[in-house]
PDB file of N, CA and C in Angstrom:
ATOM      1  N   VAL A   1      74.075  69.751  60.461  1.00  0.00           N
ATOM      2  CA  VAL A   1      73.704  68.986  59.285  1.00  0.00           C
ATOM      3  C   VAL A   1      73.275  67.588  59.695  1.00  0.00           C
ATOM      4  N   LEU A   2      74.058  66.949  60.556  1.00  0.00           N
ATOM      5  CA  LEU A   2      73.733  65.583  60.969  1.00  0.00           C
ATOM      6  C   LEU A   2      72.448  65.530  61.785  1.00  0.00           C
ATOM      7  N   LYS A   3      72.206  66.547  62.581  1.00  0.00           N
ATOM      8  CA  LYS A   3      70.980  66.595  63.383  1.00  0.00           C
ATOM      9  C   LYS A   3      69.764  66.759  62.478  1.00  0.00           C
ATOM     10  N   ILE A   4      69.868  67.625  61.488  1.00  0.00           N
ATOM     11  CA  ILE A   4      68.775  67.847  60.550  1.00  0.00           C
ATOM     12  C   ILE A   4      68.460  66.563  59.776  1.00  0.00           C
ATOM     13  N   LYS A   5      69.500  65.807  59.441  1.00  0.00           N
ATOM     14  CA  LYS A   5      69.316  64.568  58.690  1.00  0.00           C
ATOM     15  C   LYS A   5      68.961  63.387  59.593  1.00  0.00           C
ATOM     16  N   ASN A   6      68.816  63.644  60.897  1.00  0.00           N
ATOM     17  CA  ASN A   6      68.507  62.584  61.873  1.00  0.00           C
ATOM     18  C   ASN A   6      69.481  61.416  61.778  1.00  0.00           C
ATOM     19  N   THR A   7      70.746  61.738  61.663  1.00  0.00           N
ATOM     20  CA  THR A   7      71.783  60.720  61.551  1.00  0.00           C
ATOM     21  C   THR A   7      71.941  59.984  62.867  1.00  0.00           C
ATOM     22  N   THR A   8      72.013  58.672  62.788  1.00  0.00           N
ATOM     23  CA  THR A   8      72.308  57.865  63.966  1.00  0.00           C
ATOM     24  C   THR A   8      73.680  57.247  63.775  1.00  0.00           C
ATOM     25  N   PHE A   9      74.354  57.053  64.865  1.00  0.00           N
ATOM     26  CA  PHE A   9      75.696  56.487  64.812  1.00  0.00           C
ATOM     27  C   PHE A   9      75.679  55.069  65.352  1.00  0.00           C
ATOM     28  N   ILE A  10      76.382  54.195  64.680  1.00  0.00           N
ATOM     29  CA  ILE A  10      76.511  52.815  65.110  1.00  0.00           C
ATOM     30  C   ILE A  10      77.774  52.714  65.948  1.00  0.00           C
ATOM     31  N   GLU A  11      77.662  52.030  67.091  1.00  0.00           N
ATOM     32  CA  GLU A  11      78.837  51.840  67.937  1.00  0.00           C
ATOM     33  C   GLU A  11      79.920  51.122  67.148  1.00  0.00           C
ATOM     34  N   ALA A  12      81.061  51.724  67.058  1.00  0.00           N
ATOM     35  CA  ALA A  12      82.176  51.123  66.338  1.00  0.00           C
ATOM     36  C   ALA A  12      83.447  51.364  67.122  1.00  0.00           C
ATOM     37  N   GLU A  13      84.312  50.415  67.059  1.00  0.00           N
ATOM     38  CA  GLU A  13      85.601  50.565  67.717  1.00  0.00           C
ATOM     39  C   GLU A  13      86.504  51.431  66.845  1.00  0.00           C
ATOM     40  N   THR A  14      87.074  52.420  67.462  1.00  0.00           N
ATOM     41  CA  THR A  14      88.047  53.247  66.761  1.00  0.00           C
ATOM     42  C   THR A  14      89.342  53.182  67.549  1.00  0.00           C
ATOM     43  N   GLU A  15      90.434  53.399  66.868  1.00  0.00           N
ATOM     44  CA  GLU A  15      91.729  53.343  67.526  1.00  0.00           C
ATOM     45  C   GLU A  15      91.947  54.510  68.472  1.00  0.00           C
ATOM     46  N   GLY A  16      91.227  55.586  68.279  1.00  0.00           N
ATOM     47  CA  GLY A  16      91.434  56.765  69.104  1.00  0.00           C
ATOM     48  C   GLY A  16      92.595  57.580  68.582  1.00  0.00           C
ATOM     49  N   PHE A  17      92.853  58.648  69.276  1.00  0.00           N
ATOM     50  CA  PHE A  17      93.920  59.554  68.865  1.00  0.00           C
ATOM     51  C   PHE A  17      94.996  59.586  69.934  1.00  0.00           C
ATOM     52  N   VAL A  18      96.220  59.822  69.529  1.00  0.00           N
ATOM     53  CA  VAL A  18      97.355  59.875  70.447  1.00  0.00           C
ATOM     54  C   VAL A  18      97.115  60.917  71.536  1.00  0.00           C
ATOM     55  N   ASP A  19      96.515  62.036  71.169  1.00  0.00           N
ATOM     56  CA  ASP A  19      96.279  63.132  72.110  1.00  0.00           C
ATOM     57  C   ASP A  19      94.831  63.154  72.615  1.00  0.00           C
ATOM     58  N   GLU A  20      94.224  61.989  72.713  1.00  0.00           N
ATOM     59  CA  GLU A  20      92.829  61.869  73.146  1.00  0.00           C
ATOM     60  C   GLU A  20      92.581  62.517  74.510  1.00  0.00           C
ATOM     61  N   GLY A  21      93.566  62.504  75.369  1.00  0.00           N
ATOM     62  CA  GLY A  21      93.439  63.114  76.682  1.00  0.00           C
ATOM     63  C   GLY A  21      93.249  64.624  76.634  1.00  0.00           C
ATOM     64  N   ASP A  22      93.584  65.243  75.516  1.00  0.00           N
ATOM     65  CA  ASP A  22      93.420  66.686  75.356  1.00  0.00           C
ATOM     66  C   ASP A  22      92.028  67.073  74.869  1.00  0.00           C
ATOM     67  N   ILE A  23      91.229  66.088  74.476  1.00  0.00           N
ATOM     68  CA  ILE A  23      89.872  66.359  74.002  1.00  0.00           C
ATOM     69  C   ILE A  23      88.982  66.613  75.206  1.00  0.00           C
ATOM     70  N   ALA A  24      88.226  67.703  75.175  1.00  0.00           N
ATOM     71  CA  ALA A  24      87.333  68.051  76.283  1.00  0.00           C
ATOM     72  C   ALA A  24      86.320  66.932  76.502  1.00  0.00           C
ATOM     73  N   ASP A  25      85.985  66.693  77.757  1.00  0.00           N
ATOM     74  CA  ASP A  25      85.063  65.616  78.105  1.00  0.00           C
ATOM     75  C   ASP A  25      83.740  65.718  77.352  1.00  0.00           C
ATOM     76  N   TYR A  26      83.215  66.940  77.202  1.00  0.00           N
ATOM     77  CA  TYR A  26      81.923  67.108  76.539  1.00  0.00           C
ATOM     78  C   TYR A  26      81.985  66.734  75.059  1.00  0.00           C
ATOM     79  N   ALA A  27      83.169  66.723  74.458  1.00  0.00           N
ATOM     80  CA  ALA A  27      83.311  66.483  73.027  1.00  0.00           C
ATOM     81  C   ALA A  27      83.755  65.064  72.686  1.00  0.00           C
ATOM     82  N   LYS A  28      84.157  64.282  73.679  1.00  0.00           N
ATOM     83  CA  LYS A  28      84.732  62.959  73.401  1.00  0.00           C
ATOM     84  C   LYS A  28      83.781  62.040  72.638  1.00  0.00           C
ATOM     85  N   GLU A  29      82.518  62.002  73.019  1.00  0.00           N
ATOM     86  CA  GLU A  29      81.573  61.123  72.326  1.00  0.00           C
ATOM     87  C   GLU A  29      81.380  61.566  70.878  1.00  0.00           C
ATOM     88  N   ALA A  30      81.262  62.867  70.657  1.00  0.00           N
ATOM     89  CA  ALA A  30      81.086  63.379  69.291  1.00  0.00           C
ATOM     90  C   ALA A  30      82.309  63.067  68.434  1.00  0.00           C
ATOM     91  N   VAL A  31      83.495  63.247  68.982  1.00  0.00           N
ATOM     92  CA  VAL A  31      84.725  62.955  68.241  1.00  0.00           C
ATOM     93  C   VAL A  31      84.776  61.469  67.897  1.00  0.00           C
ATOM     94  N   LYS A  32      84.436  60.622  68.846  1.00  0.00           N
ATOM     95  CA  LYS A  32      84.432  59.173  68.613  1.00  0.00           C
ATOM     96  C   LYS A  32      83.433  58.815  67.508  1.00  0.00           C
ATOM     97  N   ASN A  33      82.223  59.365  67.584  1.00  0.00           N
ATOM     98  CA  ASN A  33      81.195  59.070  66.582  1.00  0.00           C
ATOM     99  C   ASN A  33      81.589  59.570  65.197  1.00  0.00           C
ATOM    100  N   LEU A  34      82.082  60.791  65.122  1.00  0.00           N
ATOM    101  CA  LEU A  34      82.472  61.354  63.833  1.00  0.00           C
ATOM    102  C   LEU A  34      83.672  60.632  63.233  1.00  0.00           C
ATOM    103  N   SER A  35      84.563  60.175  64.084  1.00  0.00           N
ATOM    104  CA  SER A  35      85.708  59.402  63.614  1.00  0.00           C
ATOM    105  C   SER A  35      85.257  58.039  63.095  1.00  0.00           C
ATOM    106  N   ALA A  36      84.377  57.365  63.835  1.00  0.00           N
ATOM    107  CA  ALA A  36      83.868  56.063  63.402  1.00  0.00           C
ATOM    108  C   ALA A  36      83.093  56.176  62.093  1.00  0.00           C
ATOM    109  N   ALA A  37      82.410  57.295  61.888  1.00  0.00           N
ATOM    110  CA  ALA A  37      81.641  57.526  60.658  1.00  0.00           C
ATOM    111  C   ALA A  37      82.524  58.039  59.525  1.00  0.00           C
ATOM    112  N   GLU A  38      83.818  58.177  59.777  1.00  0.00           N
ATOM    113  CA  GLU A  38      84.801  58.656  58.801  1.00  0.00           C
ATOM    114  C   GLU A  38      84.502  60.064  58.295  1.00  0.00           C
ATOM    115  N   ILE A  39      83.920  60.882  59.179  1.00  0.00           N
ATOM    116  CA  ILE A  39      83.683  62.284  58.857  1.00  0.00           C
ATOM    117  C   ILE A  39      84.912  63.099  59.267  1.00  0.00           C
ATOM    118  N   ILE A  40      85.552  62.692  60.344  1.00  0.00           N
ATOM    119  CA  ILE A  40      86.829  63.281  60.740  1.00  0.00           C
ATOM    120  C   ILE A  40      87.844  62.151  60.844  1.00  0.00           C
ATOM    121  N   SER A  41      89.098  62.488  60.662  1.00  0.00           N
ATOM    122  CA  SER A  41      90.121  61.438  60.717  1.00  0.00           C
ATOM    123  C   SER A  41      91.370  61.839  61.481  1.00  0.00           C
ATOM    124  N   GLY A  42      91.486  63.073  61.841  1.00  0.00           N
ATOM    125  CA  GLY A  42      92.705  63.499  62.512  1.00  0.00           C
ATOM    126  C   GLY A  42      93.846  63.619  61.516  1.00  0.00           C
ATOM    127  N   PHE A  43      95.047  63.593  62.039  1.00  0.00           N
ATOM    128  CA  PHE A  43      96.233  63.785  61.208  1.00  0.00           C
ATOM    129  C   PHE A  43      96.989  62.473  61.029  1.00  0.00           C
ATOM    130  N   ASP A  44      97.854  62.423  60.036  1.00  0.00           N
ATOM    131  CA  ASP A  44      98.579  61.198  59.696  1.00  0.00           C
ATOM    132  C   ASP A  44      99.392  60.622  60.849  1.00  0.00           C
ATOM    133  N   ASP A  45      99.817  61.470  61.759  1.00  0.00           N
ATOM    134  CA  ASP A  45     100.641  60.999  62.878  1.00  0.00           C
ATOM    135  C   ASP A  45      99.801  60.519  64.067  1.00  0.00           C
ATOM    136  N   GLY A  46      98.470  60.411  63.883  1.00  0.00           N
ATOM    137  CA  GLY A  46      97.603  59.888  64.932  1.00  0.00           C
ATOM    138  C   GLY A  46      97.075  60.921  65.911  1.00  0.00           C
ATOM    139  N   ARG A  47      97.401  62.188  65.681  1.00  0.00           N
ATOM    140  CA  ARG A  47      96.918  63.247  66.568  1.00  0.00           C
ATOM    141  C   ARG A  47      95.620  63.831  66.038  1.00  0.00           C
ATOM    142  N   PHE A  48      94.826  64.385  66.972  1.00  0.00           N
ATOM    143  CA  PHE A  48      93.582  65.062  66.623  1.00  0.00           C
ATOM    144  C   PHE A  48      93.739  66.578  66.722  1.00  0.00           C
ATOM    145  N   LEU A  49      94.619  67.024  67.578  1.00  0.00           N
ATOM    146  CA  LEU A  49      94.884  68.447  67.802  1.00  0.00           C
ATOM    147  C   LEU A  49      93.618  69.217  68.182  1.00  0.00           C
ATOM    148  N   PRO A  50      92.966  68.816  69.276  1.00  0.00           N
ATOM    149  CA  PRO A  50      91.698  69.424  69.652  1.00  0.00           C
ATOM    150  C   PRO A  50      91.778  70.890  70.069  1.00  0.00           C
ATOM    151  N   LYS A  51      92.953  71.377  70.364  1.00  0.00           N
ATOM    152  CA  LYS A  51      93.074  72.765  70.811  1.00  0.00           C
ATOM    153  C   LYS A  51      93.491  73.708  69.683  1.00  0.00           C
ATOM    154  N   GLU A  52      93.638  73.176  68.488  1.00  0.00           N
ATOM    155  CA  GLU A  52      94.022  73.984  67.329  1.00  0.00           C
ATOM    156  C   GLU A  52      92.778  74.437  66.575  1.00  0.00           C
ATOM    157  N   ASN A  53      92.892  75.506  65.835  1.00  0.00           N
ATOM    158  CA  ASN A  53      91.803  75.986  64.990  1.00  0.00           C
ATOM    159  C   ASN A  53      91.770  75.195  63.680  1.00  0.00           C
ATOM    160  N   LEU A  54      90.583  75.043  63.113  1.00  0.00           N
ATOM    161  CA  LEU A  54      90.441  74.425  61.796  1.00  0.00           C
ATOM    162  C   LEU A  54      90.741  75.443  60.716  1.00  0.00           C
ATOM    163  N   THR A  55      91.218  74.952  59.600  1.00  0.00           N
ATOM    164  CA  THR A  55      91.319  75.815  58.423  1.00  0.00           C
ATOM    165  C   THR A  55      89.961  75.795  57.725  1.00  0.00           C
ATOM    166  N   ARG A  56      89.749  76.712  56.812  1.00  0.00           N
ATOM    167  CA  ARG A  56      88.505  76.705  56.038  1.00  0.00           C
ATOM    168  C   ARG A  56      88.372  75.412  55.247  1.00  0.00           C
ATOM    169  N   ALA A  57      89.474  74.932  54.723  1.00  0.00           N
ATOM    170  CA  ALA A  57      89.442  73.692  53.941  1.00  0.00           C
ATOM    171  C   ALA A  57      89.034  72.502  54.811  1.00  0.00           C
ATOM    172  N   GLN A  58      89.564  72.436  56.025  1.00  0.00           N
ATOM    173  CA  GLN A  58      89.202  71.347  56.929  1.00  0.00           C
ATOM    174  C   GLN A  58      87.721  71.415  57.301  1.00  0.00           C
ATOM    175  N   ALA A  59      87.236  72.608  57.600  1.00  0.00           N
ATOM    176  CA  ALA A  59      85.825  72.782  57.949  1.00  0.00           C
ATOM    177  C   ALA A  59      84.938  72.410  56.766  1.00  0.00           C
ATOM    178  N   ALA A  60      85.315  72.827  55.574  1.00  0.00           N
ATOM    179  CA  ALA A  60      84.530  72.508  54.379  1.00  0.00           C
ATOM    180  C   ALA A  60      84.485  71.000  54.143  1.00  0.00           C
ATOM    181  N   THR A  61      85.587  70.322  54.382  1.00  0.00           N
ATOM    182  CA  THR A  61      85.637  68.870  54.211  1.00  0.00           C
ATOM    183  C   THR A  61      84.701  68.180  55.186  1.00  0.00           C
ATOM    184  N   ILE A  62      84.690  68.612  56.433  1.00  0.00           N
ATOM    185  CA  ILE A  62      83.813  68.022  57.445  1.00  0.00           C
ATOM    186  C   ILE A  62      82.345  68.251  57.064  1.00  0.00           C
ATOM    187  N   ILE A  63      82.017  69.462  56.665  1.00  0.00           N
ATOM    188  CA  ILE A  63      80.632  69.778  56.278  1.00  0.00           C
ATOM    189  C   ILE A  63      80.226  68.945  55.064  1.00  0.00           C
ATOM    190  N   TYR A  64      81.101  68.853  54.085  1.00  0.00           N
ATOM    191  CA  TYR A  64      80.801  68.070  52.880  1.00  0.00           C
ATOM    192  C   TYR A  64      80.559  66.602  53.235  1.00  0.00           C
ATOM    193  N   LYS A  65      81.446  66.021  54.050  1.00  0.00           N
ATOM    194  CA  LYS A  65      81.283  64.611  54.414  1.00  0.00           C
ATOM    195  C   LYS A  65      80.009  64.386  55.217  1.00  0.00           C
ATOM    196  N   ALA A  66      79.680  65.321  56.089  1.00  0.00           N
ATOM    197  CA  ALA A  66      78.468  65.197  56.893  1.00  0.00           C
ATOM    198  C   ALA A  66      77.224  65.309  56.014  1.00  0.00           C
ATOM    199  N   ALA A  67      77.245  66.245  55.072  1.00  0.00           N
ATOM    200  CA  ALA A  67      76.086  66.451  54.200  1.00  0.00           C
ATOM    201  C   ALA A  67      75.915  65.306  53.214  1.00  0.00           C
ATOM    202  N   SER A  68      77.004  64.604  52.909  1.00  0.00           N
ATOM    203  CA  SER A  68      76.950  63.512  51.939  1.00  0.00           C
ATOM    204  C   SER A  68      76.465  62.198  52.533  1.00  0.00           C
ATOM    205  N   ARG A  69      76.258  62.143  53.822  1.00  0.00           N
ATOM    206  CA  ARG A  69      75.835  60.906  54.468  1.00  0.00           C
ATOM    207  C   ARG A  69      74.393  60.615  54.232  1.00  0.00           C
TER     208      ARG A  69
END
């Protein structure tokens, strides 16, 4: 969705996630950009849980936020 809309990301400082070391190297920039754009936010305890599966509700929320930009 973001690629189709030619979305550009502005460099922004984000606090990062407690489990940032578990995020695959290829995905770190995307996670940082999506977090800075407030499309993803992780969990209340500061974790991102990169090795867990998304629920349908979580995936729908991400798609909705991306499409609404």
